[in-house]
N, C-alpha and C. Protein backbone atom coordinates (compact mmCIF):
# COMPACT_ATOMS: atom_id res chain seq x y z
N MET A 1 -178.05 117.53 16.39
CA MET A 1 -178.15 117.07 14.80
C MET A 1 -178.72 118.87 13.80
N THR A 2 -178.08 119.12 12.95
CA THR A 2 -178.29 120.54 12.96
C THR A 2 -179.84 120.19 11.30
N PRO A 3 -180.38 121.00 10.93
CA PRO A 3 -181.51 120.40 10.15
C PRO A 3 -180.93 119.93 8.75
N LEU A 4 -180.68 120.66 8.80
CA LEU A 4 -179.05 120.02 7.46
C LEU A 4 -178.74 118.26 7.50
N GLU A 5 -178.20 118.53 8.73
CA GLU A 5 -178.59 116.82 8.83
C GLU A 5 -179.21 116.35 8.50
N LEU A 6 -180.34 116.20 9.11
CA LEU A 6 -181.17 115.81 9.68
C LEU A 6 -182.24 115.27 8.09
N ALA A 7 -181.75 116.61 7.17
CA ALA A 7 -182.81 116.48 6.64
C ALA A 7 -182.02 115.33 5.35
N ALA A 8 -180.37 115.36 5.15
CA ALA A 8 -179.98 114.46 4.15
C ALA A 8 -179.82 113.07 5.14
N LEU A 9 -180.16 112.83 5.83
CA LEU A 9 -180.50 111.30 6.63
C LEU A 9 -181.61 111.04 6.34
N PHE A 10 -183.46 112.00 6.03
CA PHE A 10 -184.41 111.60 5.50
C PHE A 10 -183.36 111.30 3.95
N ASP A 11 -183.18 112.68 3.66
CA ASP A 11 -183.09 112.09 1.65
C ASP A 11 -182.06 110.70 1.57
N ALA A 12 -181.60 110.15 2.17
CA ALA A 12 -180.88 108.79 1.89
C ALA A 12 -181.65 107.64 2.42
N HIS A 13 -182.37 107.88 3.45
CA HIS A 13 -182.53 107.08 4.08
C HIS A 13 -184.22 106.53 4.10
N ALA A 14 -184.72 107.40 3.84
CA ALA A 14 -185.94 107.22 4.09
C ALA A 14 -187.37 106.42 3.40
N ARG A 15 -186.58 105.94 2.18
CA ARG A 15 -186.80 105.72 1.07
C ARG A 15 -186.50 103.53 2.39
N ALA A 16 -185.32 103.56 2.05
CA ALA A 16 -184.65 102.20 2.07
C ALA A 16 -186.05 102.64 3.53
N LEU A 17 -186.23 103.02 4.49
CA LEU A 17 -186.76 102.78 5.68
C LEU A 17 -188.13 102.13 6.03
N THR A 18 -189.04 103.42 4.73
CA THR A 18 -190.25 102.89 4.80
C THR A 18 -190.92 101.59 3.50
N LEU A 19 -189.76 101.28 3.39
CA LEU A 19 -189.71 99.81 2.42
C LEU A 19 -190.09 98.18 3.67
N TYR A 20 -188.90 99.01 4.47
CA TYR A 20 -188.35 98.21 5.38
C TYR A 20 -190.23 97.76 6.55
N ALA A 21 -191.29 99.09 6.62
CA ALA A 21 -191.71 99.21 7.72
C ALA A 21 -192.78 98.44 6.48
N ARG A 22 -192.98 99.02 5.35
CA ARG A 22 -194.26 98.14 4.86
C ARG A 22 -193.90 96.67 4.62
N GLY A 23 -193.25 96.48 5.87
CA GLY A 23 -192.79 94.49 6.21
C GLY A 23 -193.31 94.46 6.97
N PHE A 24 -193.94 95.22 7.74
CA PHE A 24 -194.72 95.24 8.89
C PHE A 24 -196.45 95.81 8.55
N LEU A 25 -196.10 96.64 8.10
CA LEU A 25 -198.15 97.21 7.60
C LEU A 25 -198.44 97.30 5.86
N ALA A 26 -199.11 96.49 6.00
CA ALA A 26 -199.68 96.66 4.84
C ALA A 26 -200.42 98.26 4.23
N ASP A 27 -200.26 98.94 5.02
CA ASP A 27 -201.21 99.79 4.31
C ASP A 27 -199.77 101.06 4.22
N PRO A 28 -198.99 101.49 2.85
CA PRO A 28 -197.84 102.44 2.77
C PRO A 28 -197.80 104.39 3.76
N GLN A 29 -199.13 104.57 3.79
CA GLN A 29 -199.36 106.20 4.74
C GLN A 29 -199.18 105.24 5.72
N GLN A 30 -198.96 104.30 6.06
CA GLN A 30 -198.88 104.00 7.15
C GLN A 30 -197.22 103.52 7.56
N ALA A 31 -196.65 103.17 7.10
CA ALA A 31 -195.20 102.73 6.99
C ALA A 31 -194.37 103.96 6.86
N ALA A 32 -195.12 105.52 5.31
CA ALA A 32 -194.50 106.17 6.09
C ALA A 32 -194.86 107.33 7.17
N ASP A 33 -195.73 107.27 8.10
CA ASP A 33 -195.83 108.03 9.04
C ASP A 33 -195.03 107.32 10.52
N VAL A 34 -194.69 106.13 10.35
CA VAL A 34 -194.07 105.29 10.92
C VAL A 34 -192.33 105.48 10.90
N VAL A 35 -192.24 105.94 9.88
CA VAL A 35 -190.96 106.26 9.71
C VAL A 35 -190.40 108.41 9.48
N GLN A 36 -191.79 108.52 9.29
CA GLN A 36 -191.77 110.24 10.01
C GLN A 36 -191.11 110.29 11.24
N GLU A 37 -192.25 109.81 11.76
CA GLU A 37 -192.69 109.93 13.46
C GLU A 37 -190.75 108.70 14.67
N ALA A 38 -190.27 108.04 13.47
CA ALA A 38 -188.55 107.82 13.58
C ALA A 38 -187.52 108.82 13.46
N PHE A 39 -187.81 109.48 12.48
CA PHE A 39 -187.40 110.87 12.92
C PHE A 39 -187.59 111.81 13.55
N LEU A 40 -188.32 112.16 13.99
CA LEU A 40 -188.68 113.31 14.63
C LEU A 40 -188.78 112.71 15.17
N ARG A 41 -187.96 111.23 16.32
CA ARG A 41 -187.77 111.04 17.81
C ARG A 41 -185.60 111.53 17.87
N LEU A 42 -185.11 111.35 16.35
CA LEU A 42 -184.09 111.07 16.30
C LEU A 42 -184.12 112.96 16.12
N MET A 43 -184.71 113.50 15.76
CA MET A 43 -184.68 114.99 16.21
C MET A 43 -184.62 115.29 18.22
N SER A 44 -185.74 114.78 18.35
CA SER A 44 -185.45 114.96 20.28
C SER A 44 -184.52 114.80 21.27
N GLN A 45 -183.64 113.78 20.21
CA GLN A 45 -182.25 112.58 21.06
C GLN A 45 -181.53 113.60 21.30
N ALA A 46 -181.69 114.61 23.10
CA ALA A 46 -180.27 115.16 23.08
C ALA A 46 -178.82 115.11 23.09
N LYS A 47 -178.36 113.78 21.75
CA LYS A 47 -177.18 113.43 21.56
C LYS A 47 -177.20 111.91 21.00
N ALA A 48 -177.00 112.60 19.40
CA ALA A 48 -176.91 111.55 18.31
C ALA A 48 -176.35 109.92 19.01
N PRO A 49 -177.50 109.04 18.67
CA PRO A 49 -177.19 108.11 18.72
C PRO A 49 -175.54 107.50 17.68
N LYS A 50 -174.57 106.92 18.21
CA LYS A 50 -174.00 106.08 17.75
C LYS A 50 -174.11 105.30 16.06
N SER A 51 -174.82 105.09 16.02
CA SER A 51 -175.20 104.62 14.07
C SER A 51 -176.47 104.92 14.44
N VAL A 52 -176.37 106.19 13.49
CA VAL A 52 -177.92 106.76 13.57
C VAL A 52 -178.75 105.57 12.35
N ARG A 53 -177.88 105.04 11.34
CA ARG A 53 -179.18 104.56 10.41
C ARG A 53 -178.99 103.55 11.13
N ALA A 54 -178.97 102.38 11.68
CA ALA A 54 -179.34 101.28 12.72
C ALA A 54 -180.00 101.51 13.89
N TRP A 55 -180.02 102.80 14.55
CA TRP A 55 -180.70 103.67 16.01
C TRP A 55 -182.26 103.50 14.44
N LEU A 56 -182.14 104.31 13.10
CA LEU A 56 -183.48 104.21 12.54
C LEU A 56 -185.10 103.21 12.15
N TYR A 57 -183.58 102.40 11.86
CA TYR A 57 -183.74 100.47 11.89
C TYR A 57 -184.61 100.85 13.24
N VAL A 58 -184.44 100.53 13.90
CA VAL A 58 -184.94 99.91 15.77
C VAL A 58 -186.30 100.40 15.84
N CYS A 59 -185.94 101.70 15.53
CA CYS A 59 -186.76 102.64 15.42
C CYS A 59 -188.54 102.38 14.79
N VAL A 60 -187.63 102.41 13.81
CA VAL A 60 -189.02 101.74 12.60
C VAL A 60 -189.70 100.65 13.11
N ARG A 61 -188.85 99.81 13.12
CA ARG A 61 -189.59 98.54 13.49
C ARG A 61 -190.36 98.42 14.83
N ASN A 62 -189.41 99.17 15.91
CA ASN A 62 -190.57 99.09 17.60
C ASN A 62 -191.58 100.06 16.61
N GLU A 63 -191.44 101.42 16.13
CA GLU A 63 -193.01 101.42 15.79
C GLU A 63 -194.11 101.46 14.74
N ALA A 64 -193.35 100.31 13.99
CA ALA A 64 -193.63 99.88 13.17
C ALA A 64 -194.64 98.59 14.10
N LEU A 65 -193.82 97.52 14.70
CA LEU A 65 -194.54 96.47 15.92
C LEU A 65 -195.59 97.40 16.83
N THR A 66 -195.41 97.88 17.32
CA THR A 66 -196.52 98.90 18.07
C THR A 66 -197.41 99.27 17.61
N LEU A 67 -197.86 99.96 16.21
CA LEU A 67 -198.57 99.95 15.32
C LEU A 67 -199.69 99.09 15.16
N ARG A 68 -199.02 98.25 14.40
CA ARG A 68 -199.22 96.82 13.52
C ARG A 68 -200.85 95.95 14.99
N ARG A 69 -199.34 95.66 16.03
CA ARG A 69 -200.87 95.12 17.46
C ARG A 69 -201.82 96.75 17.83
N SER A 70 -201.74 97.49 17.90
CA SER A 70 -202.92 98.20 17.91
C SER A 70 -203.45 98.34 17.21
N LEU A 71 -203.16 97.84 15.89
CA LEU A 71 -204.65 98.06 14.44
C LEU A 71 -204.74 96.67 14.54
N ARG A 72 -204.87 95.49 14.81
CA ARG A 72 -204.68 94.57 15.89
C ARG A 72 -205.66 94.45 16.58
N ARG A 73 -205.49 95.24 17.60
CA ARG A 73 -206.10 95.13 18.80
C ARG A 73 -207.42 95.99 18.20
N ARG A 74 -207.01 96.71 17.76
CA ARG A 74 -208.70 97.47 17.30
C ARG A 74 -209.70 96.80 16.36
N GLN A 75 -209.17 95.56 15.36
CA GLN A 75 -210.23 95.03 14.68
C GLN A 75 -210.41 94.50 15.38
N ALA A 76 -210.13 93.55 16.44
CA ALA A 76 -210.03 92.30 16.95
C ALA A 76 -211.46 93.37 17.94
N ARG A 77 -211.33 94.36 18.05
CA ARG A 77 -212.61 95.04 19.20
C ARG A 77 -213.97 95.09 18.96
N HIS A 78 -213.35 95.42 17.41
CA HIS A 78 -214.83 95.98 15.79
C HIS A 78 -215.41 94.28 16.14
N GLU A 79 -214.86 93.69 15.70
CA GLU A 79 -215.05 92.10 15.04
C GLU A 79 -216.27 91.95 15.97
N ALA A 80 -215.53 92.42 17.71
CA ALA A 80 -215.89 91.45 18.58
C ALA A 80 -217.30 92.32 18.65
N VAL A 81 -217.58 93.71 18.64
CA VAL A 81 -218.65 94.24 18.86
C VAL A 81 -219.63 94.02 17.98
N ALA A 82 -219.19 93.52 16.22
CA ALA A 82 -220.58 94.09 15.17
C ALA A 82 -221.00 92.46 16.28
N THR A 83 -219.56 91.33 16.01
CA THR A 83 -220.82 90.23 15.69
C THR A 83 -221.99 89.81 17.21
N MET A 84 -221.97 90.51 18.12
CA MET A 84 -222.09 90.66 19.21
C MET A 84 -224.03 91.06 18.95
N THR A 85 -224.15 90.87 20.01
CA THR A 85 -226.21 91.16 19.01
C THR A 85 -226.92 91.69 21.22
N PRO A 86 -226.46 92.55 21.61
CA PRO A 86 -227.14 93.69 22.90
C PRO A 86 -228.15 92.91 22.35
N GLU A 87 -228.97 93.76 23.41
CA GLU A 87 -230.08 94.03 23.67
C GLU A 87 -230.26 95.57 23.57
N TRP A 88 -230.10 96.38 22.66
CA TRP A 88 -230.70 97.35 22.71
C TRP A 88 -232.30 97.97 23.47
N PHE A 89 -232.27 96.75 23.68
CA PHE A 89 -233.90 97.46 23.85
C PHE A 89 -234.60 96.14 24.77
N GLU A 90 -234.80 96.92 26.03
CA GLU A 90 -236.12 95.90 26.54
C GLU A 90 -237.14 95.85 26.11
N ARG A 91 -237.34 94.38 26.27
CA ARG A 91 -238.89 94.37 25.75
C ARG A 91 -239.97 95.13 26.41
N ASP A 92 -240.57 95.99 25.68
CA ASP A 92 -241.55 96.28 27.02
C ASP A 92 -242.97 96.34 26.50
N PHE A 93 -243.99 95.77 26.78
CA PHE A 93 -245.00 94.99 26.40
C PHE A 93 -246.13 96.09 26.41
N ALA A 94 -245.91 97.11 27.34
CA ALA A 94 -246.48 98.29 26.88
C ALA A 94 -246.69 99.41 25.82
N SER A 95 -245.87 98.78 26.32
CA SER A 95 -244.94 100.52 24.39
C SER A 95 -245.11 99.25 23.18
N GLY A 96 -245.19 98.01 23.16
CA GLY A 96 -245.33 97.25 22.00
C GLY A 96 -244.37 97.63 21.46
N LEU A 97 -242.85 97.99 21.71
CA LEU A 97 -241.90 97.86 20.84
C LEU A 97 -241.36 96.15 20.71
N ASP A 98 -240.93 95.93 19.28
CA ASP A 98 -240.89 95.06 18.68
C ASP A 98 -239.06 95.34 19.23
N ALA A 99 -238.47 94.31 20.14
CA ALA A 99 -237.24 95.05 20.03
C ALA A 99 -235.33 95.06 19.29
N ARG A 100 -236.28 93.31 18.87
CA ARG A 100 -235.16 92.66 17.49
C ARG A 100 -235.40 93.38 16.81
N ALA A 101 -236.39 94.43 15.98
CA ALA A 101 -236.28 94.97 15.02
C ALA A 101 -235.75 96.46 15.07
N ALA A 102 -236.40 96.19 16.32
CA ALA A 102 -235.28 97.88 16.47
C ALA A 102 -234.11 97.78 16.46
N ARG A 103 -233.78 96.74 16.78
CA ARG A 103 -231.91 97.04 16.94
C ARG A 103 -231.47 96.69 15.40
N GLU A 104 -232.38 95.77 14.87
CA GLU A 104 -232.10 95.91 13.24
C GLU A 104 -232.24 97.12 13.23
N ALA A 105 -232.89 97.84 12.71
CA ALA A 105 -233.29 99.14 12.12
C ALA A 105 -232.02 99.98 12.64
N LEU A 106 -231.07 99.87 14.34
CA LEU A 106 -229.86 100.56 14.56
C LEU A 106 -228.46 100.08 13.91
N GLN A 107 -229.02 99.38 13.26
CA GLN A 107 -227.89 97.93 12.90
C GLN A 107 -227.53 98.50 11.77
N GLU A 108 -228.52 98.80 10.69
CA GLU A 108 -228.45 99.40 9.45
C GLU A 108 -227.91 100.73 9.92
N LEU A 109 -228.36 101.77 10.53
CA LEU A 109 -227.62 102.96 9.75
C LEU A 109 -226.22 103.00 10.03
N THR A 110 -226.11 104.27 9.63
CA THR A 110 -224.10 104.46 9.13
C THR A 110 -223.91 103.85 10.60
N PRO A 111 -222.54 104.26 10.44
CA PRO A 111 -222.04 103.93 12.10
C PRO A 111 -221.89 105.63 12.63
N GLU A 112 -222.28 106.04 11.36
CA GLU A 112 -221.95 107.68 11.83
C GLU A 112 -223.59 108.19 12.56
N ASP A 113 -223.97 108.23 11.87
CA ASP A 113 -225.63 108.29 12.85
C ASP A 113 -225.94 107.55 13.96
N ARG A 114 -225.27 105.96 13.85
CA ARG A 114 -226.03 104.72 14.51
C ARG A 114 -225.72 105.77 16.05
N GLU A 115 -224.13 106.01 15.97
CA GLU A 115 -223.06 106.41 16.66
C GLU A 115 -223.74 107.72 17.38
N VAL A 116 -224.20 108.95 16.73
CA VAL A 116 -225.52 109.73 17.90
C VAL A 116 -226.67 109.63 18.38
N VAL A 117 -226.84 108.83 17.51
CA VAL A 117 -228.52 107.86 18.20
C VAL A 117 -228.07 107.91 19.04
N VAL A 118 -227.48 106.00 19.36
CA VAL A 118 -227.02 105.53 20.82
C VAL A 118 -226.25 106.71 21.98
N LEU A 119 -225.35 107.57 22.03
CA LEU A 119 -224.60 108.48 22.48
C LEU A 119 -226.33 109.49 22.90
N ARG A 120 -227.11 109.23 22.08
CA ARG A 120 -228.16 110.93 22.16
C ARG A 120 -229.06 109.45 23.47
N ILE A 121 -229.47 108.45 22.94
CA ILE A 121 -230.56 108.00 23.57
C ILE A 121 -229.84 106.71 24.66
N TRP A 122 -228.88 106.01 24.38
CA TRP A 122 -228.40 105.84 26.02
C TRP A 122 -227.49 105.92 26.76
N GLY A 123 -226.62 107.16 26.03
CA GLY A 123 -225.54 107.68 26.43
C GLY A 123 -226.35 108.97 27.64
N ASP A 124 -227.71 109.31 26.91
CA ASP A 124 -228.52 110.64 27.62
C ASP A 124 -227.42 111.85 27.96
N LEU A 125 -227.00 112.03 26.12
CA LEU A 125 -226.26 113.51 26.12
C LEU A 125 -226.85 114.28 25.18
N THR A 126 -226.39 115.59 25.50
CA THR A 126 -227.62 116.42 25.17
C THR A 126 -226.53 116.61 23.47
N LEU A 127 -227.60 117.67 22.37
CA LEU A 127 -226.64 117.40 21.57
C LEU A 127 -225.64 118.23 21.45
N ARG A 128 -225.02 119.27 22.49
CA ARG A 128 -223.72 119.51 22.60
C ARG A 128 -222.99 119.36 22.74
N GLU A 129 -223.56 118.06 23.40
CA GLU A 129 -222.31 117.03 23.61
C GLU A 129 -221.90 116.28 22.91
N ILE A 130 -223.31 115.77 22.68
CA ILE A 130 -222.51 115.18 21.30
C ILE A 130 -221.81 115.83 19.72
N SER A 131 -222.07 116.53 19.92
CA SER A 131 -221.55 117.60 19.33
C SER A 131 -219.97 117.38 19.81
N GLU A 132 -219.11 117.89 20.58
CA GLU A 132 -218.07 117.93 21.03
C GLU A 132 -217.16 117.00 21.49
N ILE A 133 -217.84 115.59 21.11
CA ILE A 133 -217.04 114.49 20.95
C ILE A 133 -217.40 113.63 19.55
N THR A 134 -218.30 114.14 18.83
CA THR A 134 -218.10 113.97 17.28
C THR A 134 -217.86 115.04 16.53
N ARG A 135 -217.13 116.17 17.16
CA ARG A 135 -216.57 117.21 16.41
C ARG A 135 -217.50 117.19 15.08
N ARG A 136 -218.83 117.94 15.54
CA ARG A 136 -219.48 118.04 13.76
C ARG A 136 -220.88 119.76 15.21
N PRO A 137 -221.17 120.07 14.09
CA PRO A 137 -222.21 121.61 14.49
C PRO A 137 -223.05 120.60 15.02
N VAL A 138 -223.20 122.22 16.44
CA VAL A 138 -224.69 120.50 16.68
C VAL A 138 -226.09 120.92 15.75
N SER A 139 -226.42 121.85 15.22
CA SER A 139 -226.59 122.26 13.69
C SER A 139 -227.12 120.34 13.06
N SER A 140 -225.64 120.46 13.23
CA SER A 140 -225.31 118.92 12.25
C SER A 140 -225.74 117.82 13.07
N VAL A 141 -225.29 117.09 13.85
CA VAL A 141 -226.02 116.52 15.05
C VAL A 141 -227.40 116.17 15.13
N PHE A 142 -228.35 117.40 15.19
CA PHE A 142 -229.55 117.56 14.87
C PHE A 142 -229.88 116.91 14.02
N HIS A 143 -229.56 117.11 12.82
CA HIS A 143 -230.08 116.92 11.71
C HIS A 143 -229.54 115.45 11.44
N VAL A 144 -229.10 114.84 11.56
CA VAL A 144 -228.17 113.71 11.32
C VAL A 144 -229.07 112.67 12.75
N TYR A 145 -229.52 113.07 14.06
CA TYR A 145 -230.10 112.85 14.91
C TYR A 145 -231.85 112.81 14.52
N ARG A 146 -232.59 113.70 13.76
CA ARG A 146 -233.77 113.70 13.30
C ARG A 146 -234.05 112.09 12.86
N GLN A 147 -233.11 112.55 11.95
CA GLN A 147 -232.61 111.55 9.93
C GLN A 147 -232.89 110.74 10.90
N ALA A 148 -232.18 110.32 11.67
CA ALA A 148 -231.86 108.70 12.68
C ALA A 148 -233.01 107.98 12.10
N LEU A 149 -233.81 108.52 13.59
CA LEU A 149 -234.95 108.24 13.70
C LEU A 149 -235.90 108.65 13.78
N ALA A 150 -235.94 109.15 12.15
CA ALA A 150 -236.50 108.91 11.00
C ALA A 150 -236.76 107.42 10.26
N GLU A 151 -235.30 107.55 10.29
CA GLU A 151 -235.22 106.38 8.97
C GLU A 151 -235.68 104.73 10.51
N ILE A 152 -234.67 104.96 11.34
CA ILE A 152 -235.72 103.68 11.63
C ILE A 152 -236.74 103.10 12.05
N ARG A 153 -237.92 104.53 12.31
CA ARG A 153 -239.36 104.37 12.18
C ARG A 153 -239.48 103.64 11.00
N GLN A 154 -239.05 104.16 9.76
CA GLN A 154 -240.06 104.04 8.69
C GLN A 154 -239.05 102.60 8.49
N ARG A 155 -237.65 102.28 8.71
CA ARG A 155 -237.46 100.31 9.07
C ARG A 155 -238.63 99.68 10.09
N MET A 156 -239.04 100.18 10.74
CA MET A 156 -240.16 99.66 11.42
C MET A 156 -241.30 99.52 11.18
N GLY A 157 -241.80 100.52 9.63
CA GLY A 157 -242.99 100.50 9.81
C GLY A 157 -243.81 101.23 10.94
N ILE A 158 -243.41 102.31 11.55
CA ILE A 158 -243.89 103.21 12.25
C ILE A 158 -243.93 103.86 11.12
N HIS A 159 -245.17 104.38 11.14
CA HIS A 159 -245.87 105.88 10.82
C HIS A 159 -245.95 107.14 12.07
N GLU A 160 -245.62 108.32 11.07
CA GLU A 160 -246.24 109.49 12.61
C GLU A 160 -247.59 109.04 12.73
N SER A 161 -249.13 109.04 12.56
CA SER A 161 -249.67 108.56 12.71
C SER A 161 -250.25 107.46 13.79
N ASN A 162 -249.19 106.78 13.81
CA ASN A 162 -248.70 105.75 15.04
C ASN A 162 -248.40 106.15 16.04
N ARG A 163 -247.65 106.91 16.22
CA ARG A 163 -246.62 107.44 17.50
C ARG A 163 -247.63 108.25 18.20
N GLN A 164 -247.89 107.20 19.77
CA GLN A 164 -247.93 107.45 20.72
C GLN A 164 -247.39 109.08 21.32
N PRO A 165 -247.47 109.83 22.28
CA PRO A 165 -247.34 110.81 22.48
C PRO A 165 -245.78 110.63 23.77
């Protein structure tokens, strides 16, 4: 299939295919992405399908259903994590740490800040490793980590003078 033929097919069918995809996906951008993926798959076909238009609808349907299932699974995982109340901290009577207050303070951080703290403390990762994971500069990761710890301390009522070395 030549680029001109592909462009003509796109011009002729993309709107209707996007409308069809919207029947499966609420987000218009996701529907448009699914249609683009269908055209990319059409380009990669060694031989053009017998009925290109029908093939495109099948491809859009399959892509949209796959994406919708993926989004539902992701949403279910996020909801499961949000409703969990894991014990982030073990009660250490020697340190006097209030595990519940610490967990609540951690959960009040933005997801991005919480990610950095969890990776650093529980993941035992270096700032450079966290930088690679989050795709942020090391200096930004350090700043976020330091600010997040300060915020946790502030929420827990821990002042610098009260901290033990």
